[in-house]
PDB file of all heavy atoms in Angstrom:
ATOM      1  N   GLU A   1     100.748  89.712  99.655  1.00  0.00           N
ATOM      2  CA  GLU A   1     100.273  88.362  99.268  1.00  0.00           C
ATOM      3  C   GLU A   1     100.586  87.347 100.348  1.00  0.00           C
ATOM      4  O   GLU A   1      99.753  86.491 100.716  1.00  0.00           O
ATOM      5  CB  GLU A   1     100.909  87.909  97.957  1.00  0.00           C
ATOM      6  CG  GLU A   1     100.417  88.665  96.722  1.00  0.00           C
ATOM      7  CD  GLU A   1     101.219  88.303  95.488  1.00  0.00           C
ATOM      8  OE1 GLU A   1     102.463  88.451  95.501  1.00  0.00           O
ATOM      9  OE2 GLU A   1     100.570  87.892  94.507  1.00  0.00           O
ATOM     10  N   ILE A   2     101.801  87.424 100.890  1.00  0.00           N
ATOM     11  CA  ILE A   2     102.247  86.481 101.944  1.00  0.00           C
ATOM     12  C   ILE A   2     101.385  86.641 103.171  1.00  0.00           C
ATOM     13  O   ILE A   2     100.957  85.694 103.788  1.00  0.00           O
ATOM     14  CB  ILE A   2     103.730  86.650 102.230  1.00  0.00           C
ATOM     15  CG1 ILE A   2     104.570  86.221 100.984  1.00  0.00           C
ATOM     16  CG2 ILE A   2     104.145  85.826 103.453  1.00  0.00           C
ATOM     17  CD1 ILE A   2     106.018  86.608 101.077  1.00  0.00           C
ATOM     18  N   ALA A   3     101.123  87.904 103.533  1.00  0.00           N
ATOM     19  CA  ALA A   3     100.289  88.183 104.722  1.00  0.00           C
ATOM     20  C   ALA A   3      98.888  87.538 104.545  1.00  0.00           C
ATOM     21  O   ALA A   3      98.358  86.938 105.461  1.00  0.00           O
ATOM     22  CB  ALA A   3     100.159  89.697 104.954  1.00  0.00           C
ATOM     23  N   ALA A   4      98.335  87.676 103.333  1.00  0.00           N
ATOM     24  CA  ALA A   4      96.998  87.121 103.086  1.00  0.00           C
ATOM     25  C   ALA A   4      97.059  85.566 103.137  1.00  0.00           C
ATOM     26  O   ALA A   4      96.161  84.965 103.748  1.00  0.00           O
ATOM     27  CB  ALA A   4      96.499  87.561 101.725  1.00  0.00           C
ATOM     28  N   ILE A   5      98.061  84.972 102.564  1.00  0.00           N
ATOM     29  CA  ILE A   5      98.199  83.503 102.565  1.00  0.00           C
ATOM     30  C   ILE A   5      98.334  82.954 103.968  1.00  0.00           C
ATOM     31  O   ILE A   5      97.738  81.939 104.325  1.00  0.00           O
ATOM     32  CB  ILE A   5      99.404  83.065 101.719  1.00  0.00           C
ATOM     33  CG1 ILE A   5      99.166  83.356 100.256  1.00  0.00           C
ATOM     34  CG2 ILE A   5      99.739  81.579 101.920  1.00  0.00           C
ATOM     35  CD1 ILE A   5     100.425  83.252  99.384  1.00  0.00           C
ATOM     36  N   LEU A   6      99.087  83.668 104.809  1.00  0.00           N
ATOM     37  CA  LEU A   6      99.382  83.187 106.152  1.00  0.00           C
ATOM     38  C   LEU A   6      98.354  83.624 107.189  1.00  0.00           C
ATOM     39  O   LEU A   6      98.535  83.321 108.379  1.00  0.00           O
ATOM     40  CB  LEU A   6     100.812  83.590 106.549  1.00  0.00           C
ATOM     41  CG  LEU A   6     101.915  82.993 105.698  1.00  0.00           C
ATOM     42  CD1 LEU A   6     103.261  83.509 106.138  1.00  0.00           C
ATOM     43  CD2 LEU A   6     101.854  81.483 105.746  1.00  0.00           C
ATOM     44  N   GLY A   7      97.363  84.381 106.789  1.00  0.00           N
ATOM     45  CA  GLY A   7      96.297  84.756 107.727  1.00  0.00           C
ATOM     46  C   GLY A   7      96.622  85.898 108.633  1.00  0.00           C
ATOM     47  O   GLY A   7      95.970  86.098 109.700  1.00  0.00           O
ATOM     48  N   PHE A   8      97.590  86.747 108.258  1.00  0.00           N
ATOM     49  CA  PHE A   8      97.864  87.950 109.049  1.00  0.00           C
ATOM     50  C   PHE A   8      96.792  88.993 108.741  1.00  0.00           C
ATOM     51  O   PHE A   8      96.224  89.022 107.635  1.00  0.00           O
ATOM     52  CB  PHE A   8      99.263  88.494 108.754  1.00  0.00           C
ATOM     53  CG  PHE A   8     100.361  87.691 109.402  1.00  0.00           C
ATOM     54  CD1 PHE A   8     100.968  86.659 108.723  1.00  0.00           C
ATOM     55  CD2 PHE A   8     100.785  87.998 110.688  1.00  0.00           C
ATOM     56  CE1 PHE A   8     101.987  85.890 109.282  1.00  0.00           C
ATOM     57  CE2 PHE A   8     101.796  87.228 111.289  1.00  0.00           C
ATOM     58  CZ  PHE A   8     102.398  86.223 110.586  1.00  0.00           C
ATOM     59  N   ASP A   9      96.516  89.839 109.730  1.00  0.00           N
ATOM     60  CA  ASP A   9      95.447  90.843 109.545  1.00  0.00           C
ATOM     61  C   ASP A   9      95.771  91.817 108.421  1.00  0.00           C
ATOM     62  O   ASP A   9      94.891  92.326 107.759  1.00  0.00           O
ATOM     63  CB  ASP A   9      95.250  91.637 110.848  1.00  0.00           C
ATOM     64  CG  ASP A   9      94.681  90.774 111.959  1.00  0.00           C
ATOM     65  OD1 ASP A   9      94.049  89.775 111.649  1.00  0.00           O
ATOM     66  OD2 ASP A   9      94.893  91.122 113.127  1.00  0.00           O
ATOM     67  N   SER A  10      97.062  92.104 108.232  1.00  0.00           N
ATOM     68  CA  SER A  10      97.476  93.093 107.237  1.00  0.00           C
ATOM     69  C   SER A  10      98.958  92.869 106.918  1.00  0.00           C
ATOM     70  O   SER A  10      99.675  92.218 107.687  1.00  0.00           O
ATOM     71  CB  SER A  10      97.251  94.490 107.769  1.00  0.00           C
ATOM     72  OG  SER A  10      98.164  94.751 108.824  1.00  0.00           O
ATOM     73  N   PRO A  11      99.434  93.455 105.826  1.00  0.00           N
ATOM     74  CA  PRO A  11     100.877  93.375 105.556  1.00  0.00           C
ATOM     75  C   PRO A  11     101.678  94.091 106.659  1.00  0.00           C
ATOM     76  O   PRO A  11     102.769  93.642 107.023  1.00  0.00           O
ATOM     77  CB  PRO A  11     101.024  94.125 104.230  1.00  0.00           C
ATOM     78  CG  PRO A  11      99.689  94.121 103.608  1.00  0.00           C
ATOM     79  CD  PRO A  11      98.689  94.062 104.749  1.00  0.00           C
ATOM     80  N   TYR A  12     101.123  95.131 107.244  1.00  0.00           N
ATOM     81  CA  TYR A  12     101.797  95.842 108.307  1.00  0.00           C
ATOM     82  C   TYR A  12     101.977  94.902 109.518  1.00  0.00           C
ATOM     83  O   TYR A  12     103.028  94.866 110.161  1.00  0.00           O
ATOM     84  CB  TYR A  12     101.017  97.116 108.733  1.00  0.00           C
ATOM     85  CG  TYR A  12     101.614  97.764 109.952  1.00  0.00           C
ATOM     86  CD1 TYR A  12     102.753  98.547 109.837  1.00  0.00           C
ATOM     87  CD2 TYR A  12     101.048  97.550 111.196  1.00  0.00           C
ATOM     88  CE1 TYR A  12     103.341  99.120 110.981  1.00  0.00           C
ATOM     89  CE2 TYR A  12     101.639  98.128 112.339  1.00  0.00           C
ATOM     90  CZ  TYR A  12     102.769  98.906 112.217  1.00  0.00           C
ATOM     91  OH  TYR A  12     103.321  99.477 113.316  1.00  0.00           O
ATOM     92  N   HIS A  13     100.911  94.155 109.865  1.00  0.00           N
ATOM     93  CA  HIS A  13     100.982  93.247 110.987  1.00  0.00           C
ATOM     94  C   HIS A  13     102.045  92.175 110.756  1.00  0.00           C
ATOM     95  O   HIS A  13     102.856  91.904 111.659  1.00  0.00           O
ATOM     96  CB  HIS A  13      99.612  92.584 111.200  1.00  0.00           C
ATOM     97  CG  HIS A  13      99.522  91.679 112.370  1.00  0.00           C
ATOM     98  ND1 HIS A  13      98.983  90.435 112.319  1.00  0.00           N
ATOM     99  CD2 HIS A  13      99.937  91.841 113.645  1.00  0.00           C
ATOM    100  CE1 HIS A  13      99.055  89.861 113.484  1.00  0.00           C
ATOM    101  NE2 HIS A  13      99.641  90.682 114.326  1.00  0.00           N
ATOM    102  N   LEU A  14     102.088  91.613 109.552  1.00  0.00           N
ATOM    103  CA  LEU A  14     103.142  90.657 109.227  1.00  0.00           C
ATOM    104  C   LEU A  14     104.518  91.299 109.354  1.00  0.00           C
ATOM    105  O   LEU A  14     105.422  90.747 109.947  1.00  0.00           O
ATOM    106  CB  LEU A  14     102.962  90.080 107.804  1.00  0.00           C
ATOM    107  CG  LEU A  14     104.138  89.292 107.265  1.00  0.00           C
ATOM    108  CD1 LEU A  14     104.499  88.086 108.113  1.00  0.00           C
ATOM    109  CD2 LEU A  14     103.877  88.852 105.817  1.00  0.00           C
ATOM    110  N   SER A  15     104.666  92.504 108.779  1.00  0.00           N
ATOM    111  CA  SER A  15     105.967  93.191 108.800  1.00  0.00           C
ATOM    112  C   SER A  15     106.434  93.453 110.234  1.00  0.00           C
ATOM    113  O   SER A  15     107.617  93.245 110.547  1.00  0.00           O
ATOM    114  CB  SER A  15     105.904  94.518 108.032  1.00  0.00           C
ATOM    115  OG  SER A  15     105.699  94.253 106.655  1.00  0.00           O
ATOM    116  N   ALA A  16     105.539  93.922 111.084  1.00  0.00           N
ATOM    117  CA  ALA A  16     105.897  94.210 112.455  1.00  0.00           C
ATOM    118  C   ALA A  16     106.306  92.920 113.188  1.00  0.00           C
ATOM    119  O   ALA A  16     107.318  92.914 113.907  1.00  0.00           O
ATOM    120  CB  ALA A  16     104.737  94.878 113.195  1.00  0.00           C
ATOM    121  N   GLN A  17     105.562  91.885 113.024  1.00  0.00           N
ATOM    122  CA  GLN A  17     105.890  90.596 113.654  1.00  0.00           C
ATOM    123  C   GLN A  17     107.188  90.024 113.125  1.00  0.00           C
ATOM    124  O   GLN A  17     108.016  89.510 113.850  1.00  0.00           O
ATOM    125  CB  GLN A  17     104.735  89.614 113.457  1.00  0.00           C
ATOM    126  CG  GLN A  17     103.444  89.975 114.125  1.00  0.00           C
ATOM    127  CD  GLN A  17     103.164  89.123 115.312  1.00  0.00           C
ATOM    128  OE1 GLN A  17     103.614  88.007 115.424  1.00  0.00           O
ATOM    129  NE2 GLN A  17     102.387  89.671 116.246  1.00  0.00           N
ATOM    130  N   PHE A  18     107.339  90.131 111.802  1.00  0.00           N
ATOM    131  CA  PHE A  18     108.538  89.569 111.158  1.00  0.00           C
ATOM    132  C   PHE A  18     109.793  90.314 111.639  1.00  0.00           C
ATOM    133  O   PHE A  18     110.789  89.679 111.897  1.00  0.00           O
ATOM    134  CB  PHE A  18     108.405  89.708 109.627  1.00  0.00           C
ATOM    135  CG  PHE A  18     109.450  88.948 108.859  1.00  0.00           C
ATOM    136  CD1 PHE A  18     109.214  87.630 108.488  1.00  0.00           C
ATOM    137  CD2 PHE A  18     110.641  89.531 108.530  1.00  0.00           C
ATOM    138  CE1 PHE A  18     110.186  86.935 107.777  1.00  0.00           C
ATOM    139  CE2 PHE A  18     111.631  88.826 107.857  1.00  0.00           C
ATOM    140  CZ  PHE A  18     111.363  87.528 107.458  1.00  0.00           C
ATOM    141  N   LYS A  19     109.691  91.633 111.748  1.00  0.00           N
ATOM    142  CA  LYS A  19     110.844  92.425 112.184  1.00  0.00           C
ATOM    143  C   LYS A  19     111.210  92.059 113.641  1.00  0.00           C
ATOM    144  O   LYS A  19     112.376  91.935 113.978  1.00  0.00           O
ATOM    145  CB  LYS A  19     110.555  93.925 112.089  1.00  0.00           C
ATOM    146  CG  LYS A  19     111.801  94.731 112.374  1.00  0.00           C
ATOM    147  CD  LYS A  19     111.587  96.198 112.048  1.00  0.00           C
ATOM    148  CE  LYS A  19     112.865  96.943 112.250  1.00  0.00           C
ATOM    149  NZ  LYS A  19     112.797  98.327 111.891  1.00  0.00           N
ATOM    150  N   GLY A  20     110.210  91.835 114.459  1.00  0.00           N
ATOM    151  CA  GLY A  20     110.491  91.413 115.829  1.00  0.00           C
ATOM    152  C   GLY A  20     111.134  90.035 115.891  1.00  0.00           C
ATOM    153  O   GLY A  20     111.961  89.744 116.750  1.00  0.00           O
ATOM    154  N   TYR A  21     110.798  89.183 114.971  1.00  0.00           N
ATOM    155  CA  TYR A  21     111.296  87.818 114.908  1.00  0.00           C
ATOM    156  C   TYR A  21     112.705  87.740 114.296  1.00  0.00           C
ATOM    157  O   TYR A  21     113.563  87.053 114.824  1.00  0.00           O
ATOM    158  CB  TYR A  21     110.319  86.957 114.098  1.00  0.00           C
ATOM    159  CG  TYR A  21     110.729  85.532 113.837  1.00  0.00           C
ATOM    160  CD1 TYR A  21     110.719  84.603 114.868  1.00  0.00           C
ATOM    161  CD2 TYR A  21     111.106  85.099 112.589  1.00  0.00           C
ATOM    162  CE1 TYR A  21     111.059  83.275 114.652  1.00  0.00           C
ATOM    163  CE2 TYR A  21     111.443  83.787 112.347  1.00  0.00           C
ATOM    164  CZ  TYR A  21     111.435  82.889 113.368  1.00  0.00           C
ATOM    165  OH  TYR A  21     111.789  81.574 113.154  1.00  0.00           O
ATOM    166  N   SER A  22     112.910  88.444 113.202  1.00  0.00           N
ATOM    167  CA  SER A  22     114.176  88.322 112.466  1.00  0.00           C
ATOM    168  C   SER A  22     115.117  89.488 112.614  1.00  0.00           C
ATOM    169  O   SER A  22     116.279  89.407 112.258  1.00  0.00           O
ATOM    170  CB  SER A  22     113.891  88.104 110.972  1.00  0.00           C
ATOM    171  OG  SER A  22     113.418  89.301 110.404  1.00  0.00           O
ATOM    172  N   GLY A  23     114.587  90.625 113.111  1.00  0.00           N
ATOM    173  CA  GLY A  23     115.403  91.822 113.239  1.00  0.00           C
ATOM    174  C   GLY A  23     115.370  92.702 112.002  1.00  0.00           C
ATOM    175  O   GLY A  23     115.920  93.801 112.013  1.00  0.00           O
ATOM    176  N   LEU A  24     114.744  92.228 110.939  1.00  0.00           N
ATOM    177  CA  LEU A  24     114.651  93.000 109.676  1.00  0.00           C
ATOM    178  C   LEU A  24     113.237  93.003 109.158  1.00  0.00           C
ATOM    179  O   LEU A  24     112.487  92.018 109.370  1.00  0.00           O
ATOM    180  CB  LEU A  24     115.559  92.407 108.615  1.00  0.00           C
ATOM    181  CG  LEU A  24     117.059  92.412 108.851  1.00  0.00           C
ATOM    182  CD1 LEU A  24     117.781  91.561 107.781  1.00  0.00           C
ATOM    183  CD2 LEU A  24     117.589  93.846 108.828  1.00  0.00           C
ATOM    184  N   ALA A  25     112.853  94.048 108.462  1.00  0.00           N
ATOM    185  CA  ALA A  25     111.582  94.057 107.761  1.00  0.00           C
ATOM    186  C   ALA A  25     111.645  92.979 106.654  1.00  0.00           C
ATOM    187  O   ALA A  25     112.721  92.654 106.172  1.00  0.00           O
ATOM    188  CB  ALA A  25     111.339  95.425 107.142  1.00  0.00           C
ATOM    189  N   PRO A  26     110.492  92.425 106.274  1.00  0.00           N
ATOM    190  CA  PRO A  26     110.506  91.357 105.287  1.00  0.00           C
ATOM    191  C   PRO A  26     111.235  91.671 103.982  1.00  0.00           C
ATOM    192  O   PRO A  26     112.047  90.858 103.503  1.00  0.00           O
ATOM    193  CB  PRO A  26     109.012  91.102 104.989  1.00  0.00           C
ATOM    194  CG  PRO A  26     108.317  91.584 106.225  1.00  0.00           C
ATOM    195  CD  PRO A  26     109.152  92.724 106.738  1.00  0.00           C
ATOM    196  N   ASP A  27     111.021  92.843 103.385  1.00  0.00           N
ATOM    197  CA  ASP A  27     111.709  93.208 102.148  1.00  0.00           C
ATOM    198  C   ASP A  27     113.203  93.299 102.327  1.00  0.00           C
ATOM    199  O   ASP A  27     113.970  92.852 101.474  1.00  0.00           O
ATOM    200  CB  ASP A  27     111.151  94.516 101.581  1.00  0.00           C
ATOM    201  CG  ASP A  27     109.746  94.359 101.010  1.00  0.00           C
ATOM    202  OD1 ASP A  27     109.395  93.248 100.556  1.00  0.00           O
ATOM    203  OD2 ASP A  27     108.967  95.347 101.049  1.00  0.00           O
ATOM    204  N   ARG A  28     113.646  93.880 103.431  1.00  0.00           N
ATOM    205  CA  ARG A  28     115.082  93.954 103.700  1.00  0.00           C
ATOM    206  C   ARG A  28     115.666  92.550 103.914  1.00  0.00           C
ATOM    207  O   ARG A  28     116.771  92.253 103.477  1.00  0.00           O
ATOM    208  CB  ARG A  28     115.371  94.831 104.932  1.00  0.00           C
ATOM    209  CG  ARG A  28     115.162  96.304 104.604  1.00  0.00           C
ATOM    210  CD  ARG A  28     115.719  97.197 105.691  1.00  0.00           C
ATOM    211  NE  ARG A  28     117.171  97.110 105.612  1.00  0.00           N
ATOM    212  CZ  ARG A  28     117.984  97.438 106.584  1.00  0.00           C
ATOM    213  NH1 ARG A  28     117.503  97.889 107.716  1.00  0.00           N
ATOM    214  NH2 ARG A  28     119.300  97.336 106.480  1.00  0.00           N
ATOM    215  N   TRP A  29     114.945  91.701 104.629  1.00  0.00           N
ATOM    216  CA  TRP A  29     115.378  90.336 104.865  1.00  0.00           C
ATOM    217  C   TRP A  29     115.569  89.625 103.546  1.00  0.00           C
ATOM    218  O   TRP A  29     116.569  88.942 103.335  1.00  0.00           O
ATOM    219  CB  TRP A  29     114.382  89.599 105.778  1.00  0.00           C
ATOM    220  CG  TRP A  29     114.814  88.243 106.201  1.00  0.00           C
ATOM    221  CD1 TRP A  29     115.559  87.968 107.309  1.00  0.00           C
ATOM    222  CD2 TRP A  29     114.579  87.016 105.533  1.00  0.00           C
ATOM    223  NE1 TRP A  29     115.750  86.583 107.396  1.00  0.00           N
ATOM    224  CE2 TRP A  29     115.190  86.002 106.312  1.00  0.00           C
ATOM    225  CE3 TRP A  29     113.938  86.663 104.367  1.00  0.00           C
ATOM    226  CZ2 TRP A  29     115.165  84.639 105.955  1.00  0.00           C
ATOM    227  CZ3 TRP A  29     113.899  85.314 104.000  1.00  0.00           C
ATOM    228  CH2 TRP A  29     114.499  84.338 104.790  1.00  0.00           C
ATOM    229  N   ARG A  30     114.592  89.787 102.642  1.00  0.00           N
ATOM    230  CA  ARG A  30     114.655  89.135 101.329  1.00  0.00           C
ATOM    231  C   ARG A  30     115.841  89.647 100.522  1.00  0.00           C
ATOM    232  O   ARG A  30     116.591  88.872  99.948  1.00  0.00           O
ATOM    233  CB  ARG A  30     113.362  89.367 100.583  1.00  0.00           C
ATOM    234  CG  ARG A  30     113.375  88.797  99.176  1.00  0.00           C
ATOM    235  CD  ARG A  30     112.108  89.139  98.397  1.00  0.00           C
ATOM    236  NE  ARG A  30     111.136  88.097  98.567  1.00  0.00           N
ATOM    237  CZ  ARG A  30     109.859  88.220  98.303  1.00  0.00           C
ATOM    238  NH1 ARG A  30     109.325  89.384  97.886  1.00  0.00           N
ATOM    239  NH2 ARG A  30     109.035  87.199  98.434  1.00  0.00           N
ATOM    240  N   ARG A  31     116.037  90.969 100.492  1.00  0.00           N
ATOM    241  CA  ARG A  31     117.168  91.536  99.766  1.00  0.00           C
ATOM    242  C   ARG A  31     118.506  91.049 100.304  1.00  0.00           C
ATOM    243  O   ARG A  31     119.397  90.651  99.549  1.00  0.00           O
ATOM    244  CB  ARG A  31     117.120  93.059  99.774  1.00  0.00           C
ATOM    245  CG  ARG A  31     116.095  93.663  98.849  1.00  0.00           C
ATOM    246  CD  ARG A  31     116.246  95.145  98.677  1.00  0.00           C
ATOM    247  NE  ARG A  31     116.196  95.892  99.893  1.00  0.00           N
ATOM    248  CZ  ARG A  31     115.075  96.371 100.435  1.00  0.00           C
ATOM    249  NH1 ARG A  31     113.909  96.160  99.844  1.00  0.00           N
ATOM    250  NH2 ARG A  31     115.129  97.075 101.535  1.00  0.00           N
ATOM    251  N   ARG A  32     118.605  90.994 101.598  1.00  0.00           N
ATOM    252  CA  ARG A  32     119.854  90.540 102.228  1.00  0.00           C
ATOM    253  C   ARG A  32     120.104  89.060 101.914  1.00  0.00           C
ATOM    254  O   ARG A  32     121.235  88.671 101.608  1.00  0.00           O
ATOM    255  CB  ARG A  32     119.842  90.752 103.749  1.00  0.00           C
ATOM    256  CG  ARG A  32     121.145  90.375 104.396  1.00  0.00           C
ATOM    257  CD  ARG A  32     121.199  90.743 105.853  1.00  0.00           C
ATOM    258  NE  ARG A  32     121.388  92.170 105.955  1.00  0.00           N
ATOM    259  CZ  ARG A  32     121.444  92.829 107.098  1.00  0.00           C
ATOM    260  NH1 ARG A  32     121.304  92.188 108.240  1.00  0.00           N
ATOM    261  NH2 ARG A  32     121.630  94.140 107.124  1.00  0.00           N
ATOM    262  N   LEU A  33     119.079  88.276 101.968  1.00  0.00           N
ATOM    263  CA  LEU A  33     119.189  86.850 101.619  1.00  0.00           C
ATOM    264  C   LEU A  33     119.646  86.658 100.152  1.00  0.00           C
ATOM    265  O   LEU A  33     120.577  85.891  99.914  1.00  0.00           O
ATOM    266  CB  LEU A  33     117.863  86.110 101.825  1.00  0.00           C
ATOM    267  CG  LEU A  33     117.852  84.632 101.404  1.00  0.00           C
ATOM    268  CD1 LEU A  33     118.706  83.814 102.347  1.00  0.00           C
ATOM    269  CD2 LEU A  33     116.424  84.124 101.379  1.00  0.00           C
TER     270      LEU A  33
END
């Protein structure tokens, strides 16, 4: 849903970019937070 809202091509694209940015996959980042 977040990928669609933010205009990413796919959830995978968001996840890959997010991991490069934060060091964690989105779901892991959320759980850790």
